[in-house]
Amino acid sequence: MQERRMRAADLFEQGVIPAEIARQVGVCHQIVSDWRAVWRRSGRDGLRAAGRAGRLPKVSPDQLARVELVLARGAEANGYPHRAVDLATRG
């Protein structure tokens, strides 16, 4: 992905429009817009340090830990009348 961001930086510097950059590097227009905002603020260095990919988690680590504990207790402990729920979810 860094190679794509650096290619996009080259194209920003050449004045290529975002839609064309998106087509050339194979990403959606929104990603190019995000990259361009970073490039304007921090230049190429900002694009090298990409950070995490994807959306931020909607569940905190504490919430996830609580969900794991509840699931580990099993179906009956969580109000389901039969172990079949446990078996069905183990695929």
PDB file of N, CA and C in Angstrom:
ATOM      1  N   MET A   1       0.826  -1.195   0.000  1.00  0.00           N
ATOM      2  CA  MET A   1       0.000   0.000   0.000  1.00  0.00           C
ATOM      3  C   MET A   1       0.874   1.264   0.000  1.00  0.00           C
ATOM      4  N   GLN A   2       2.043   1.178   0.652  1.00  0.00           N
ATOM      5  CA  GLN A   2       2.911   2.361   0.666  1.00  0.00           C
ATOM      6  C   GLN A   2       3.349   2.714  -0.750  1.00  0.00           C
ATOM      7  N   GLU A   3       3.586   1.707  -1.566  1.00  0.00           N
ATOM      8  CA  GLU A   3       3.966   1.981  -2.955  1.00  0.00           C
ATOM      9  C   GLU A   3       2.859   2.767  -3.671  1.00  0.00           C
ATOM     10  N   ARG A   4       1.611   2.406  -3.416  1.00  0.00           N
ATOM     11  CA  ARG A   4       0.494   3.136  -4.021  1.00  0.00           C
ATOM     12  C   ARG A   4       0.439   4.569  -3.521  1.00  0.00           C
ATOM     13  N   ARG A   5       0.669   4.749  -2.217  1.00  0.00           N
ATOM     14  CA  ARG A   5       0.627   6.110  -1.663  1.00  0.00           C
ATOM     15  C   ARG A   5       1.740   6.973  -2.252  1.00  0.00           C
ATOM     16  N   MET A   6       2.916   6.385  -2.440  1.00  0.00           N
ATOM     17  CA  MET A   6       4.028   7.147  -3.023  1.00  0.00           C
ATOM     18  C   MET A   6       3.743   7.480  -4.493  1.00  0.00           C
ATOM     19  N   ARG A   7       3.111   6.552  -5.213  1.00  0.00           N
ATOM     20  CA  ARG A   7       2.709   6.827  -6.600  1.00  0.00           C
ATOM     21  C   ARG A   7       1.689   7.966  -6.615  1.00  0.00           C
ATOM     22  N   ALA A   8       0.741   7.918  -5.668  1.00  0.00           N
ATOM     23  CA  ALA A   8      -0.250   8.990  -5.569  1.00  0.00           C
ATOM     24  C   ALA A   8       0.431  10.325  -5.271  1.00  0.00           C
ATOM     25  N   ALA A   9       1.446  10.329  -4.411  1.00  0.00           N
ATOM     26  CA  ALA A   9       2.166  11.562  -4.096  1.00  0.00           C
ATOM     27  C   ALA A   9       2.813  12.132  -5.353  1.00  0.00           C
ATOM     28  N   ASP A  10       3.412  11.250  -6.172  1.00  0.00           N
ATOM     29  CA  ASP A  10       3.983  11.713  -7.443  1.00  0.00           C
ATOM     30  C   ASP A  10       2.916  12.409  -8.286  1.00  0.00           C
ATOM     31  N   LEU A  11       1.748  11.805  -8.339  1.00  0.00           N
ATOM     32  CA  LEU A  11       0.664  12.340  -9.161  1.00  0.00           C
ATOM     33  C   LEU A  11       0.097  13.631  -8.566  1.00  0.00           C
ATOM     34  N   PHE A  12       0.023  13.730  -7.218  1.00  0.00           N
ATOM     35  CA  PHE A  12      -0.404  14.989  -6.588  1.00  0.00           C
ATOM     36  C   PHE A  12       0.527  16.109  -7.025  1.00  0.00           C
ATOM     37  N   GLU A  13       1.821  15.811  -6.983  1.00  0.00           N
ATOM     38  CA  GLU A  13       2.823  16.816  -7.332  1.00  0.00           C
ATOM     39  C   GLU A  13       2.718  17.245  -8.792  1.00  0.00           C
ATOM     40  N   GLN A  14       2.226  16.354  -9.640  1.00  0.00           N
ATOM     41  CA  GLN A  14       2.055  16.666 -11.060  1.00  0.00           C
ATOM     42  C   GLN A  14       0.725  17.353 -11.344  1.00  0.00           C
ATOM     43  N   GLY A  15      -0.128  17.474 -10.320  1.00  0.00           N
ATOM     44  CA  GLY A  15      -1.410  18.137 -10.492  1.00  0.00           C
ATOM     45  C   GLY A  15      -2.500  17.266 -11.104  1.00  0.00           C
ATOM     46  N   VAL A  16      -2.315  15.960 -11.062  1.00  0.00           N
ATOM     47  CA  VAL A  16      -3.320  15.038 -11.605  1.00  0.00           C
ATOM     48  C   VAL A  16      -4.557  15.071 -10.703  1.00  0.00           C
ATOM     49  N   ILE A  17      -5.743  15.011 -11.304  1.00  0.00           N
ATOM     50  CA  ILE A  17      -6.985  15.077 -10.529  1.00  0.00           C
ATOM     51  C   ILE A  17      -7.190  13.769  -9.745  1.00  0.00           C
ATOM     52  N   PRO A  18      -7.855  13.852  -8.571  1.00  0.00           N
ATOM     53  CA  PRO A  18      -8.037  12.676  -7.719  1.00  0.00           C
ATOM     54  C   PRO A  18      -8.706  11.481  -8.416  1.00  0.00           C
ATOM     55  N   ALA A  19      -9.687  11.728  -9.256  1.00  0.00           N
ATOM     56  CA  ALA A  19     -10.363  10.610  -9.926  1.00  0.00           C
ATOM     57  C   ALA A  19      -9.386   9.815 -10.796  1.00  0.00           C
ATOM     58  N   GLU A  20      -8.494  10.526 -11.461  1.00  0.00           N
ATOM     59  CA  GLU A  20      -7.496   9.858 -12.298  1.00  0.00           C
ATOM     60  C   GLU A  20      -6.459   9.127 -11.443  1.00  0.00           C
ATOM     61  N   ILE A  21      -6.084   9.722 -10.330  1.00  0.00           N
ATOM     62  CA  ILE A  21      -5.149   9.060  -9.409  1.00  0.00           C
ATOM     63  C   ILE A  21      -5.767   7.769  -8.888  1.00  0.00           C
ATOM     64  N   ALA A  22      -7.034   7.834  -8.502  1.00  0.00           N
ATOM     65  CA  ALA A  22      -7.722   6.644  -8.010  1.00  0.00           C
ATOM     66  C   ALA A  22      -7.700   5.535  -9.057  1.00  0.00           C
ATOM     67  N   ARG A  23      -7.955   5.893 -10.292  1.00  0.00           N
ATOM     68  CA  ARG A  23      -7.951   4.901 -11.374  1.00  0.00           C
ATOM     69  C   ARG A  23      -6.556   4.313 -11.560  1.00  0.00           C
ATOM     70  N   GLN A  24      -5.544   5.174 -11.555  1.00  0.00           N
ATOM     71  CA  GLN A  24      -4.182   4.705 -11.807  1.00  0.00           C
ATOM     72  C   GLN A  24      -3.607   3.834 -10.701  1.00  0.00           C
ATOM     73  N   VAL A  25      -3.917   4.163  -9.453  1.00  0.00           N
ATOM     74  CA  VAL A  25      -3.334   3.378  -8.353  1.00  0.00           C
ATOM     75  C   VAL A  25      -4.257   2.272  -7.863  1.00  0.00           C
ATOM     76  N   GLY A  26      -5.499   2.248  -8.353  1.00  0.00           N
ATOM     77  CA  GLY A  26      -6.411   1.148  -8.040  1.00  0.00           C
ATOM     78  C   GLY A  26      -7.072   1.220  -6.683  1.00  0.00           C
ATOM     79  N   VAL A  27      -7.422   2.432  -6.258  1.00  0.00           N
ATOM     80  CA  VAL A  27      -8.165   2.611  -5.012  1.00  0.00           C
ATOM     81  C   VAL A  27      -9.366   3.501  -5.282  1.00  0.00           C
ATOM     82  N   CYS A  28     -10.263   3.612  -4.307  1.00  0.00           N
ATOM     83  CA  CYS A  28     -11.443   4.448  -4.507  1.00  0.00           C
ATOM     84  C   CYS A  28     -11.082   5.936  -4.322  1.00  0.00           C
ATOM     85  N   HIS A  29     -11.943   6.777  -4.851  1.00  0.00           N
ATOM     86  CA  HIS A  29     -11.740   8.226  -4.816  1.00  0.00           C
ATOM     87  C   HIS A  29     -11.611   8.734  -3.383  1.00  0.00           C
ATOM     88  N   GLN A  30     -12.378   8.175  -2.446  1.00  0.00           N
ATOM     89  CA  GLN A  30     -12.329   8.623  -1.054  1.00  0.00           C
ATOM     90  C   GLN A  30     -10.948   8.408  -0.447  1.00  0.00           C
ATOM     91  N   ILE A  31     -10.328   7.294  -0.750  1.00  0.00           N
ATOM     92  CA  ILE A  31      -8.985   7.027  -0.231  1.00  0.00           C
ATOM     93  C   ILE A  31      -8.008   8.062  -0.769  1.00  0.00           C
ATOM     94  N   VAL A  32      -8.113   8.362  -2.057  1.00  0.00           N
ATOM     95  CA  VAL A  32      -7.237   9.381  -2.645  1.00  0.00           C
ATOM     96  C   VAL A  32      -7.469  10.729  -1.961  1.00  0.00           C
ATOM     97  N   SER A  33      -8.713  11.057  -1.685  1.00  0.00           N
ATOM     98  CA  SER A  33      -9.004  12.318  -0.984  1.00  0.00           C
ATOM     99  C   SER A  33      -8.365  12.338   0.397  1.00  0.00           C
ATOM    100  N   ASP A  34      -8.453  11.221   1.102  1.00  0.00           N
ATOM    101  CA  ASP A  34      -7.821  11.133   2.427  1.00  0.00           C
ATOM    102  C   ASP A  34      -6.305  11.285   2.311  1.00  0.00           C
ATOM    103  N   TRP A  35      -5.713  10.579   1.344  1.00  0.00           N
ATOM    104  CA  TRP A  35      -4.268  10.677   1.137  1.00  0.00           C
ATOM    105  C   TRP A  35      -3.850  12.100   0.795  1.00  0.00           C
ATOM    106  N   ARG A  36      -4.646  12.750  -0.049  1.00  0.00           N
ATOM    107  CA  ARG A  36      -4.306  14.119  -0.458  1.00  0.00           C
ATOM    108  C   ARG A  36      -4.322  15.062   0.742  1.00  0.00           C
ATOM    109  N   ALA A  37      -5.286  14.875   1.637  1.00  0.00           N
ATOM    110  CA  ALA A  37      -5.346  15.710   2.842  1.00  0.00           C
ATOM    111  C   ALA A  37      -4.090  15.498   3.694  1.00  0.00           C
ATOM    112  N   VAL A  38      -3.669  14.258   3.842  1.00  0.00           N
ATOM    113  CA  VAL A  38      -2.446  13.965   4.597  1.00  0.00           C
ATOM    114  C   VAL A  38      -1.238  14.553   3.883  1.00  0.00           C
ATOM    115  N   TRP A  39      -1.182  14.387   2.579  1.00  0.00           N
ATOM    116  CA  TRP A  39      -0.062  14.904   1.775  1.00  0.00           C
ATOM    117  C   TRP A  39       0.048  16.418   1.906  1.00  0.00           C
ATOM    118  N   ARG A  40      -1.091  17.104   1.897  1.00  0.00           N
ATOM    119  CA  ARG A  40      -1.071  18.563   2.037  1.00  0.00           C
ATOM    120  C   ARG A  40      -0.556  18.989   3.411  1.00  0.00           C
ATOM    121  N   ARG A  41      -0.930  18.227   4.446  1.00  0.00           N
ATOM    122  CA  ARG A  41      -0.501  18.550   5.814  1.00  0.00           C
ATOM    123  C   ARG A  41       0.956  18.184   6.077  1.00  0.00           C
ATOM    124  N   SER A  42       1.348  16.984   5.619  1.00  0.00           N
ATOM    125  CA  SER A  42       2.633  16.420   6.050  1.00  0.00           C
ATOM    126  C   SER A  42       3.558  15.995   4.926  1.00  0.00           C
ATOM    127  N   GLY A  43       3.137  16.196   3.685  1.00  0.00           N
ATOM    128  CA  GLY A  43       3.973  15.791   2.561  1.00  0.00           C
ATOM    129  C   GLY A  43       4.113  14.278   2.453  1.00  0.00           C
ATOM    130  N   ARG A  44       5.158  13.863   1.778  1.00  0.00           N
ATOM    131  CA  ARG A  44       5.400  12.435   1.560  1.00  0.00           C
ATOM    132  C   ARG A  44       5.600  11.674   2.870  1.00  0.00           C
ATOM    133  N   ASP A  45       6.222  12.328   3.850  1.00  0.00           N
ATOM    134  CA  ASP A  45       6.457  11.652   5.127  1.00  0.00           C
ATOM    135  C   ASP A  45       5.152  11.219   5.784  1.00  0.00           C
ATOM    136  N   GLY A  46       4.134  12.034   5.656  1.00  0.00           N
ATOM    137  CA  GLY A  46       2.832  11.670   6.212  1.00  0.00           C
ATOM    138  C   GLY A  46       2.237  10.458   5.530  1.00  0.00           C
ATOM    139  N   LEU A  47       2.505  10.312   4.254  1.00  0.00           N
ATOM    140  CA  LEU A  47       1.988   9.156   3.520  1.00  0.00           C
ATOM    141  C   LEU A  47       2.799   7.895   3.793  1.00  0.00           C
ATOM    142  N   ARG A  48       4.052   8.043   4.180  1.00  0.00           N
ATOM    143  CA  ARG A  48       4.863   6.859   4.502  1.00  0.00           C
ATOM    144  C   ARG A  48       4.379   6.200   5.783  1.00  0.00           C
ATOM    145  N   ALA A  49       3.995   6.989   6.760  1.00  0.00           N
ATOM    146  CA  ALA A  49       3.511   6.464   8.038  1.00  0.00           C
ATOM    147  C   ALA A  49       1.998   6.328   7.958  1.00  0.00           C
ATOM    148  N   ALA A  50       1.547   5.231   7.410  1.00  0.00           N
ATOM    149  CA  ALA A  50       0.130   5.088   7.095  1.00  0.00           C
ATOM    150  C   ALA A  50      -0.765   4.882   8.308  1.00  0.00           C
ATOM    151  N   GLY A  51      -0.260   4.296   9.357  1.00  0.00           N
ATOM    152  CA  GLY A  51      -1.142   3.979  10.481  1.00  0.00           C
ATOM    153  C   GLY A  51      -1.934   2.717  10.186  1.00  0.00           C
ATOM    154  N   ARG A  52      -2.937   2.499  10.951  1.00  0.00           N
ATOM    155  CA  ARG A  52      -3.712   1.267  10.808  1.00  0.00           C
ATOM    156  C   ARG A  52      -4.611   1.338   9.589  1.00  0.00           C
ATOM    157  N   ALA A  53      -4.913   0.179   9.049  1.00  0.00           N
ATOM    158  CA  ALA A  53      -5.824   0.104   7.912  1.00  0.00           C
ATOM    159  C   ALA A  53      -7.234  -0.187   8.409  1.00  0.00           C
ATOM    160  N   GLY A  54      -8.213   0.257   7.681  1.00  0.00           N
ATOM    161  CA  GLY A  54      -9.599  -0.057   8.006  1.00  0.00           C
ATOM    162  C   GLY A  54     -10.215   0.863   9.031  1.00  0.00           C
ATOM    163  N   ARG A  55     -11.431   0.539   9.356  1.00  0.00           N
ATOM    164  CA  ARG A  55     -12.179   1.348  10.316  1.00  0.00           C
ATOM    165  C   ARG A  55     -11.678   1.122  11.728  1.00  0.00           C
ATOM    166  N   LEU A  56     -11.899   2.115  12.564  1.00  0.00           N
ATOM    167  CA  LEU A  56     -11.591   1.959  13.973  1.00  0.00           C
ATOM    168  C   LEU A  56     -12.615   1.014  14.590  1.00  0.00           C
ATOM    169  N   PRO A  57     -12.201   0.207  15.568  1.00  0.00           N
ATOM    170  CA  PRO A  57     -13.147  -0.711  16.205  1.00  0.00           C
ATOM    171  C   PRO A  57     -14.266   0.057  16.913  1.00  0.00           C
ATOM    172  N   LYS A  58     -15.473  -0.497  16.863  1.00  0.00           N
ATOM    173  CA  LYS A  58     -16.602   0.118  17.562  1.00  0.00           C
ATOM    174  C   LYS A  58     -16.720  -0.425  18.981  1.00  0.00           C
ATOM    175  N   VAL A  59     -16.004  -1.496  19.258  1.00  0.00           N
ATOM    176  CA  VAL A  59     -16.041  -2.133  20.572  1.00  0.00           C
ATOM    177  C   VAL A  59     -14.688  -1.907  21.235  1.00  0.00           C
ATOM    178  N   SER A  60     -14.715  -1.455  22.481  1.00  0.00           N
ATOM    179  CA  SER A  60     -13.463  -1.221  23.207  1.00  0.00           C
ATOM    180  C   SER A  60     -12.858  -2.566  23.622  1.00  0.00           C
ATOM    181  N   PRO A  61     -11.581  -2.599  23.959  1.00  0.00           N
ATOM    182  CA  PRO A  61     -10.975  -3.844  24.434  1.00  0.00           C
ATOM    183  C   PRO A  61     -11.681  -4.405  25.671  1.00  0.00           C
ATOM    184  N   ASP A  62     -12.130  -3.525  26.574  1.00  0.00           N
ATOM    185  CA  ASP A  62     -12.859  -3.991  27.760  1.00  0.00           C
ATOM    186  C   ASP A  62     -14.186  -4.638  27.378  1.00  0.00           C
ATOM    187  N   GLN A  63     -14.901  -4.018  26.453  1.00  0.00           N
ATOM    188  CA  GLN A  63     -16.172  -4.588  26.004  1.00  0.00           C
ATOM    189  C   GLN A  63     -15.957  -5.945  25.344  1.00  0.00           C
ATOM    190  N   LEU A  64     -14.936  -6.063  24.531  1.00  0.00           N
ATOM    191  CA  LEU A  64     -14.641  -7.326  23.872  1.00  0.00           C
ATOM    192  C   LEU A  64     -14.303  -8.406  24.891  1.00  0.00           C
ATOM    193  N   ALA A  65     -13.540  -8.066  25.907  1.00  0.00           N
ATOM    194  CA  ALA A  65     -13.199  -9.029  26.957  1.00  0.00           C
ATOM    195  C   ALA A  65     -14.452  -9.514  27.678  1.00  0.00           C
ATOM    196  N   ARG A  66     -15.396  -8.593  27.943  1.00  0.00           N
ATOM    197  CA  ARG A  66     -16.653  -8.997  28.600  1.00  0.00           C
ATOM    198  C   ARG A  66     -17.465  -9.929  27.720  1.00  0.00           C
ATOM    199  N   VAL A  67     -17.516  -9.645  26.419  1.00  0.00           N
ATOM    200  CA  VAL A  67     -18.248 -10.515  25.491  1.00  0.00           C
ATOM    201  C   VAL A  67     -17.624 -11.903  25.485  1.00  0.00           C
ATOM    202  N   GLU A  68     -16.293 -11.972  25.453  1.00  0.00           N
ATOM    203  CA  GLU A  68     -15.623 -13.271  25.455  1.00  0.00           C
ATOM    204  C   GLU A  68     -15.933 -14.062  26.711  1.00  0.00           C
ATOM    205  N   LEU A  69     -15.972 -13.379  27.867  1.00  0.00           N
ATOM    206  CA  LEU A  69     -16.313 -14.064  29.121  1.00  0.00           C
ATOM    207  C   LEU A  69     -17.736 -14.619  29.084  1.00  0.00           C
ATOM    208  N   VAL A  70     -18.662 -13.816  28.609  1.00  0.00           N
ATOM    209  CA  VAL A  70     -20.063 -14.246  28.535  1.00  0.00           C
ATOM    210  C   VAL A  70     -20.201 -15.437  27.594  1.00  0.00           C
ATOM    211  N   LEU A  71     -19.547 -15.381  26.457  1.00  0.00           N
ATOM    212  CA  LEU A  71     -19.629 -16.488  25.505  1.00  0.00           C
ATOM    213  C   LEU A  71     -18.999 -17.757  26.064  1.00  0.00           C
ATOM    214  N   ALA A  72     -17.923 -17.597  26.817  1.00  0.00           N
ATOM    215  CA  ALA A  72     -17.247 -18.768  27.388  1.00  0.00           C
ATOM    216  C   ALA A  72     -18.113 -19.492  28.411  1.00  0.00           C
ATOM    217  N   ARG A  73     -19.051 -18.795  29.016  1.00  0.00           N
ATOM    218  CA  ARG A  73     -19.949 -19.425  29.996  1.00  0.00           C
ATOM    219  C   ARG A  73     -20.919 -20.399  29.344  1.00  0.00           C
ATOM    220  N   GLY A  74     -21.179 -20.219  28.076  1.00  0.00           N
ATOM    221  CA  GLY A  74     -22.053 -21.135  27.360  1.00  0.00           C
ATOM    222  C   GLY A  74     -23.476 -20.619  27.224  1.00  0.00           C
ATOM    223  N   ALA A  75     -24.242 -21.348  26.427  1.00  0.00           N
ATOM    224  CA  ALA A  75     -25.603 -20.936  26.078  1.00  0.00           C
ATOM    225  C   ALA A  75     -26.541 -20.941  27.281  1.00  0.00           C
ATOM    226  N   GLU A  76     -26.536 -22.004  28.049  1.00  0.00           N
ATOM    227  CA  GLU A  76     -27.480 -22.113  29.170  1.00  0.00           C
ATOM    228  C   GLU A  76     -27.255 -21.010  30.194  1.00  0.00           C
ATOM    229  N   ALA A  77     -26.021 -20.680  30.479  1.00  0.00           N
ATOM    230  CA  ALA A  77     -25.709 -19.626  31.445  1.00  0.00           C
ATOM    231  C   ALA A  77     -26.169 -18.258  30.953  1.00  0.00           C
ATOM    232  N   ASN A  78     -26.410 -18.144  29.648  1.00  0.00           N
ATOM    233  CA  ASN A  78     -26.845 -16.877  29.075  1.00  0.00           C
ATOM    234  C   ASN A  78     -28.308 -16.881  28.666  1.00  0.00           C
ATOM    235  N   GLY A  79     -29.073 -17.828  29.225  1.00  0.00           N
ATOM    236  CA  GLY A  79     -30.505 -17.815  29.016  1.00  0.00           C
ATOM    237  C   GLY A  79     -31.023 -18.642  27.861  1.00  0.00           C
ATOM    238  N   TYR A  80     -30.146 -19.387  27.189  1.00  0.00           N
ATOM    239  CA  TYR A  80     -30.614 -20.279  26.125  1.00  0.00           C
ATOM    240  C   TYR A  80     -30.841 -21.656  26.738  1.00  0.00           C
ATOM    241  N   PRO A  81     -31.979 -22.274  26.436  1.00  0.00           N
ATOM    242  CA  PRO A  81     -32.376 -23.485  27.148  1.00  0.00           C
ATOM    243  C   PRO A  81     -31.634 -24.766  26.730  1.00  0.00           C
ATOM    244  N   HIS A  82     -30.836 -24.734  25.699  1.00  0.00           N
ATOM    245  CA  HIS A  82     -30.272 -25.985  25.215  1.00  0.00           C
ATOM    246  C   HIS A  82     -28.842 -25.779  24.712  1.00  0.00           C
ATOM    247  N   ARG A  83     -28.007 -26.789  24.909  1.00  0.00           N
ATOM    248  CA  ARG A  83     -26.619 -26.735  24.445  1.00  0.00           C
ATOM    249  C   ARG A  83     -26.490 -26.743  22.938  1.00  0.00           C
ATOM    250  N   ALA A  84     -27.555 -27.017  22.226  1.00  0.00           N
ATOM    251  CA  ALA A  84     -27.500 -27.059  20.748  1.00  0.00           C
ATOM    252  C   ALA A  84     -26.999 -25.732  20.188  1.00  0.00           C
ATOM    253  N   VAL A  85     -27.259 -24.653  20.903  1.00  0.00           N
ATOM    254  CA  VAL A  85     -26.778 -23.341  20.457  1.00  0.00           C
ATOM    255  C   VAL A  85     -25.255 -23.338  20.456  1.00  0.00           C
ATOM    256  N   ASP A  86     -24.632 -23.906  21.516  1.00  0.00           N
ATOM    257  CA  ASP A  86     -23.180 -23.996  21.570  1.00  0.00           C
ATOM    258  C   ASP A  86     -22.643 -24.815  20.399  1.00  0.00           C
ATOM    259  N   LEU A  87     -23.264 -25.940  20.152  1.00  0.00           N
ATOM    260  CA  LEU A  87     -22.796 -26.838  19.105  1.00  0.00           C
ATOM    261  C   LEU A  87     -22.967 -26.206  17.723  1.00  0.00           C
ATOM    262  N   ALA A  88     -24.056 -25.501  17.517  1.00  0.00           N
ATOM    263  CA  ALA A  88     -24.330 -24.886  16.216  1.00  0.00           C
ATOM    264  C   ALA A  88     -23.337 -23.780  15.896  1.00  0.00           C
ATOM    265  N   THR A  89     -22.835 -23.109  16.911  1.00  0.00           N
ATOM    266  CA  THR A  89     -21.941 -21.983  16.650  1.00  0.00           C
ATOM    267  C   THR A  89     -20.493 -22.409  16.480  1.00  0.00           C
ATOM    268  N   ARG A  90     -20.194 -23.657  16.736  1.00  0.00           N
ATOM    269  CA  ARG A  90     -18.797 -24.127  16.611  1.00  0.00           C
ATOM    270  C   ARG A  90     -18.477 -24.634  15.219  1.00  0.00           C
ATOM    271  N   GLY A  91     -19.475 -24.694  14.351  1.00  0.00           N
ATOM    272  CA  GLY A  91     -19.334 -25.019  12.954  1.00  0.00           C
ATOM    273  C   GLY A  91     -18.504 -26.170  12.643  1.00  0.00           C
TER     274      GLY A  91
END
